[in-house]
């Protein structure tokens, strides 16, 4: 039972880590996209 709980806790920690990595990557890509769109708008203006 204790071993199962440790496996569960490790799995939860790994899922949280993956979620943080996904969020970070998503934020980076969003910022990059916004910067690109801003540059395009400035060229058109």
PDB file of N, CA and C in Angstrom:
ATOM      1  N   UNK A   1       0.825  -1.204   0.000  1.00  0.00           N
ATOM      2  CA  UNK A   1       0.000   0.000   0.000  1.00  0.00           C
ATOM      3  C   UNK A   1       0.869   1.267   0.000  1.00  0.00           C
ATOM      4  N   UNK A   2       1.892   1.259   0.839  1.00  0.00           N
ATOM      5  CA  UNK A   2       2.787   2.414   0.919  1.00  0.00           C
ATOM      6  C   UNK A   2       3.526   2.617  -0.403  1.00  0.00           C
ATOM      7  N   UNK A   3       3.946   1.517  -1.007  1.00  0.00           N
ATOM      8  CA  UNK A   3       4.656   1.597  -2.284  1.00  0.00           C
ATOM      9  C   UNK A   3       3.740   2.170  -3.380  1.00  0.00           C
ATOM     10  N   UNK A   4       2.484   1.764  -3.377  1.00  0.00           N
ATOM     11  CA  UNK A   4       1.529   2.284  -4.354  1.00  0.00           C
ATOM     12  C   UNK A   4       1.336   3.793  -4.178  1.00  0.00           C
ATOM     13  N   UNK A   5       1.312   4.229  -2.933  1.00  0.00           N
ATOM     14  CA  UNK A   5       1.150   5.652  -2.661  1.00  0.00           C
ATOM     15  C   UNK A   5       2.364   6.434  -3.171  1.00  0.00           C
ATOM     16  N   UNK A   6       3.552   5.890  -3.000  1.00  0.00           N
ATOM     17  CA  UNK A   6       4.763   6.560  -3.480  1.00  0.00           C
ATOM     18  C   UNK A   6       4.750   6.649  -5.012  1.00  0.00           C
ATOM     19  N   UNK A   7       4.324   5.587  -5.674  1.00  0.00           N
ATOM     20  CA  UNK A   7       4.228   5.598  -7.135  1.00  0.00           C
ATOM     21  C   UNK A   7       3.228   6.656  -7.573  1.00  0.00           C
ATOM     22  N   UNK A   8       2.099   6.717  -6.889  1.00  0.00           N
ATOM     23  CA  UNK A   8       1.068   7.705  -7.205  1.00  0.00           C
ATOM     24  C   UNK A   8       1.607   9.124  -7.027  1.00  0.00           C
ATOM     25  N   UNK A   9       2.308   9.375  -5.923  1.00  0.00           N
ATOM     26  CA  UNK A   9       2.851  10.711  -5.675  1.00  0.00           C
ATOM     27  C   UNK A   9       3.893  11.099  -6.714  1.00  0.00           C
ATOM     28  N   UNK A  10       4.740  10.128  -7.111  1.00  0.00           N
ATOM     29  CA  UNK A  10       5.735  10.397  -8.158  1.00  0.00           C
ATOM     30  C   UNK A  10       5.052  10.734  -9.475  1.00  0.00           C
ATOM     31  N   UNK A  11       4.000   9.980  -9.788  1.00  0.00           N
ATOM     32  CA  UNK A  11       3.266  10.225 -11.015  1.00  0.00           C
ATOM     33  C   UNK A  11       2.624  11.613 -11.003  1.00  0.00           C
ATOM     34  N   UNK A  12       2.028  11.989  -9.876  1.00  0.00           N
ATOM     35  CA  UNK A  12       1.423  13.307  -9.762  1.00  0.00           C
ATOM     36  C   UNK A  12       2.472  14.415  -9.931  1.00  0.00           C
ATOM     37  N   UNK A  13       3.631  14.241  -9.329  1.00  0.00           N
ATOM     38  CA  UNK A  13       4.704  15.236  -9.440  1.00  0.00           C
ATOM     39  C   UNK A  13       5.166  15.346 -10.887  1.00  0.00           C
ATOM     40  N   UNK A  14       5.269  14.223 -11.575  1.00  0.00           N
ATOM     41  CA  UNK A  14       5.689  14.234 -12.976  1.00  0.00           C
ATOM     42  C   UNK A  14       4.637  14.920 -13.850  1.00  0.00           C
ATOM     43  N   UNK A  15       3.375  14.679 -13.574  1.00  0.00           N
ATOM     44  CA  UNK A  15       2.309  15.329 -14.339  1.00  0.00           C
ATOM     45  C   UNK A  15       2.323  16.841 -14.121  1.00  0.00           C
ATOM     46  N   UNK A  16       2.565  17.267 -12.888  1.00  0.00           N
ATOM     47  CA  UNK A  16       2.651  18.704 -12.607  1.00  0.00           C
ATOM     48  C   UNK A  16       3.827  19.328 -13.348  1.00  0.00           C
ATOM     49  N   UNK A  17       4.944  18.608 -13.373  1.00  0.00           N
ATOM     50  CA  UNK A  17       6.126  19.101 -14.073  1.00  0.00           C
ATOM     51  C   UNK A  17       5.847  19.239 -15.569  1.00  0.00           C
ATOM     52  N   UNK A  18       5.193  18.250 -16.146  1.00  0.00           N
ATOM     53  CA  UNK A  18       4.839  18.314 -17.560  1.00  0.00           C
ATOM     54  C   UNK A  18       3.870  19.455 -17.834  1.00  0.00           C
ATOM     55  N   UNK A  19       2.926  19.671 -16.941  1.00  0.00           N
ATOM     56  CA  UNK A  19       1.963  20.760 -17.108  1.00  0.00           C
ATOM     57  C   UNK A  19       2.678  22.111 -17.068  1.00  0.00           C
ATOM     58  N   UNK A  20       3.641  22.264 -16.159  1.00  0.00           N
ATOM     59  CA  UNK A  20       4.409  23.519 -16.096  1.00  0.00           C
ATOM     60  C   UNK A  20       5.213  23.719 -17.372  1.00  0.00           C
ATOM     61  N   UNK A  21       5.819  22.649 -17.886  1.00  0.00           N
ATOM     62  CA  UNK A  21       6.592  22.753 -19.122  1.00  0.00           C
ATOM     63  C   UNK A  21       5.683  23.149 -20.285  1.00  0.00           C
ATOM     64  N   UNK A  22       4.502  22.546 -20.356  1.00  0.00           N
ATOM     65  CA  UNK A  22       3.555  22.877 -21.420  1.00  0.00           C
ATOM     66  C   UNK A  22       3.119  24.333 -21.324  1.00  0.00           C
ATOM     67  N   UNK A  23       2.811  24.790 -20.121  1.00  0.00           N
ATOM     68  CA  UNK A  23       2.387  26.174 -19.922  1.00  0.00           C
ATOM     69  C   UNK A  23       3.498  27.140 -20.320  1.00  0.00           C
ATOM     70  N   UNK A  24       4.718  26.822 -19.934  1.00  0.00           N
ATOM     71  CA  UNK A  24       5.854  27.681 -20.278  1.00  0.00           C
ATOM     72  C   UNK A  24       6.026  27.769 -21.788  1.00  0.00           C
ATOM     73  N   UNK A  25       5.989  26.623 -22.459  1.00  0.00           N
ATOM     74  CA  UNK A  25       6.132  26.608 -23.911  1.00  0.00           C
ATOM     75  C   UNK A  25       4.990  27.368 -24.581  1.00  0.00           C
ATOM     76  N   UNK A  26       3.786  27.169 -24.084  1.00  0.00           N
ATOM     77  CA  UNK A  26       2.629  27.868 -24.636  1.00  0.00           C
ATOM     78  C   UNK A  26       2.788  29.380 -24.493  1.00  0.00           C
ATOM     79  N   UNK A  27       3.259  29.828 -23.346  1.00  0.00           N
ATOM     80  CA  UNK A  27       3.472  31.266 -23.119  1.00  0.00           C
ATOM     81  C   UNK A  27       4.538  31.820 -24.064  1.00  0.00           C
ATOM     82  N   UNK A  28       5.605  31.052 -24.271  1.00  0.00           N
ATOM     83  CA  UNK A  28       6.679  31.487 -25.169  1.00  0.00           C
ATOM     84  C   UNK A  28       6.152  31.618 -26.595  1.00  0.00           C
ATOM     85  N   UNK A  29       5.403  30.601 -27.038  1.00  0.00           N
ATOM     86  CA  UNK A  29       4.867  30.637 -28.399  1.00  0.00           C
ATOM     87  C   UNK A  29       3.859  31.768 -28.573  1.00  0.00           C
ATOM     88  N   UNK A  30       3.037  32.006 -27.564  1.00  0.00           N
ATOM     89  CA  UNK A  30       2.064  33.103 -27.633  1.00  0.00           C
ATOM     90  C   UNK A  30       2.784  34.446 -27.742  1.00  0.00           C
ATOM     91  N   UNK A  31       3.804  34.634 -26.935  1.00  0.00           N
ATOM     92  CA  UNK A  31       4.567  35.887 -26.962  1.00  0.00           C
ATOM     93  C   UNK A  31       5.239  36.078 -28.313  1.00  0.00           C
ATOM     94  N   UNK A  32       5.800  34.997 -28.845  1.00  0.00           N
ATOM     95  CA  UNK A  32       6.458  35.064 -30.157  1.00  0.00           C
ATOM     96  C   UNK A  32       5.442  35.424 -31.249  1.00  0.00           C
ATOM     97  N   UNK A  33       4.286  34.819 -31.179  1.00  0.00           N
ATOM     98  CA  UNK A  33       3.236  35.113 -32.159  1.00  0.00           C
ATOM     99  C   UNK A  33       2.799  36.577 -32.062  1.00  0.00           C
ATOM    100  N   UNK A  34       2.596  37.049 -30.849  1.00  0.00           N
ATOM    101  CA  UNK A  34       2.170  38.435 -30.664  1.00  0.00           C
ATOM    102  C   UNK A  34       3.230  39.412 -31.181  1.00  0.00           C
ATOM    103  N   UNK A  35       4.495  39.095 -30.950  1.00  0.00           N
ATOM    104  CA  UNK A  35       5.574  39.963 -31.438  1.00  0.00           C
ATOM    105  C   UNK A  35       5.594  39.976 -32.966  1.00  0.00           C
ATOM    106  N   UNK A  36       5.399  38.817 -33.576  1.00  0.00           N
ATOM    107  CA  UNK A  36       5.359  38.740 -35.039  1.00  0.00           C
ATOM    108  C   UNK A  36       4.197  39.553 -35.594  1.00  0.00           C
ATOM    109  N   UNK A  37       3.017  39.404 -34.985  1.00  0.00           N
ATOM    110  CA  UNK A  37       1.845  40.138 -35.455  1.00  0.00           C
ATOM    111  C   UNK A  37       2.039  41.647 -35.282  1.00  0.00           C
ATOM    112  N   UNK A  38       2.687  42.035 -34.209  1.00  0.00           N
ATOM    113  CA  UNK A  38       2.960  43.450 -33.972  1.00  0.00           C
ATOM    114  C   UNK A  38       3.890  44.004 -35.057  1.00  0.00           C
ATOM    115  N   UNK A  39       4.904  43.226 -35.398  1.00  0.00           N
ATOM    116  CA  UNK A  39       5.844  43.658 -36.436  1.00  0.00           C
ATOM    117  C   UNK A  39       5.118  43.781 -37.764  1.00  0.00           C
ATOM    118  N   UNK A  40       4.239  42.837 -38.087  1.00  0.00           N
ATOM    119  CA  UNK A  40       3.481  42.893 -39.334  1.00  0.00           C
ATOM    120  C   UNK A  40       2.585  44.127 -39.354  1.00  0.00           C
ATOM    121  N   UNK A  41       1.908  44.394 -38.236  1.00  0.00           N
ATOM    122  CA  UNK A  41       1.039  45.581 -38.161  1.00  0.00           C
ATOM    123  C   UNK A  41       1.852  46.874 -38.357  1.00  0.00           C
ATOM    124  N   UNK A  42       3.057  46.905 -37.788  1.00  0.00           N
ATOM    125  CA  UNK A  42       3.891  48.094 -37.918  1.00  0.00           C
ATOM    126  C   UNK A  42       4.361  48.297 -39.361  1.00  0.00           C
ATOM    127  N   UNK A  43       4.595  47.208 -40.079  1.00  0.00           N
ATOM    128  CA  UNK A  43       5.005  47.312 -41.478  1.00  0.00           C
ATOM    129  C   UNK A  43       3.861  47.869 -42.314  1.00  0.00           C
ATOM    130  N   UNK A  44       2.637  47.418 -42.037  1.00  0.00           N
ATOM    131  CA  UNK A  44       1.460  47.865 -42.786  1.00  0.00           C
ATOM    132  C   UNK A  44       1.119  49.324 -42.511  1.00  0.00           C
ATOM    133  N   UNK A  45       1.442  49.781 -41.316  1.00  0.00           N
ATOM    134  CA  UNK A  45       1.046  51.144 -40.911  1.00  0.00           C
ATOM    135  C   UNK A  45       1.847  52.217 -41.615  1.00  0.00           C
TER     136      UNK A  45
END
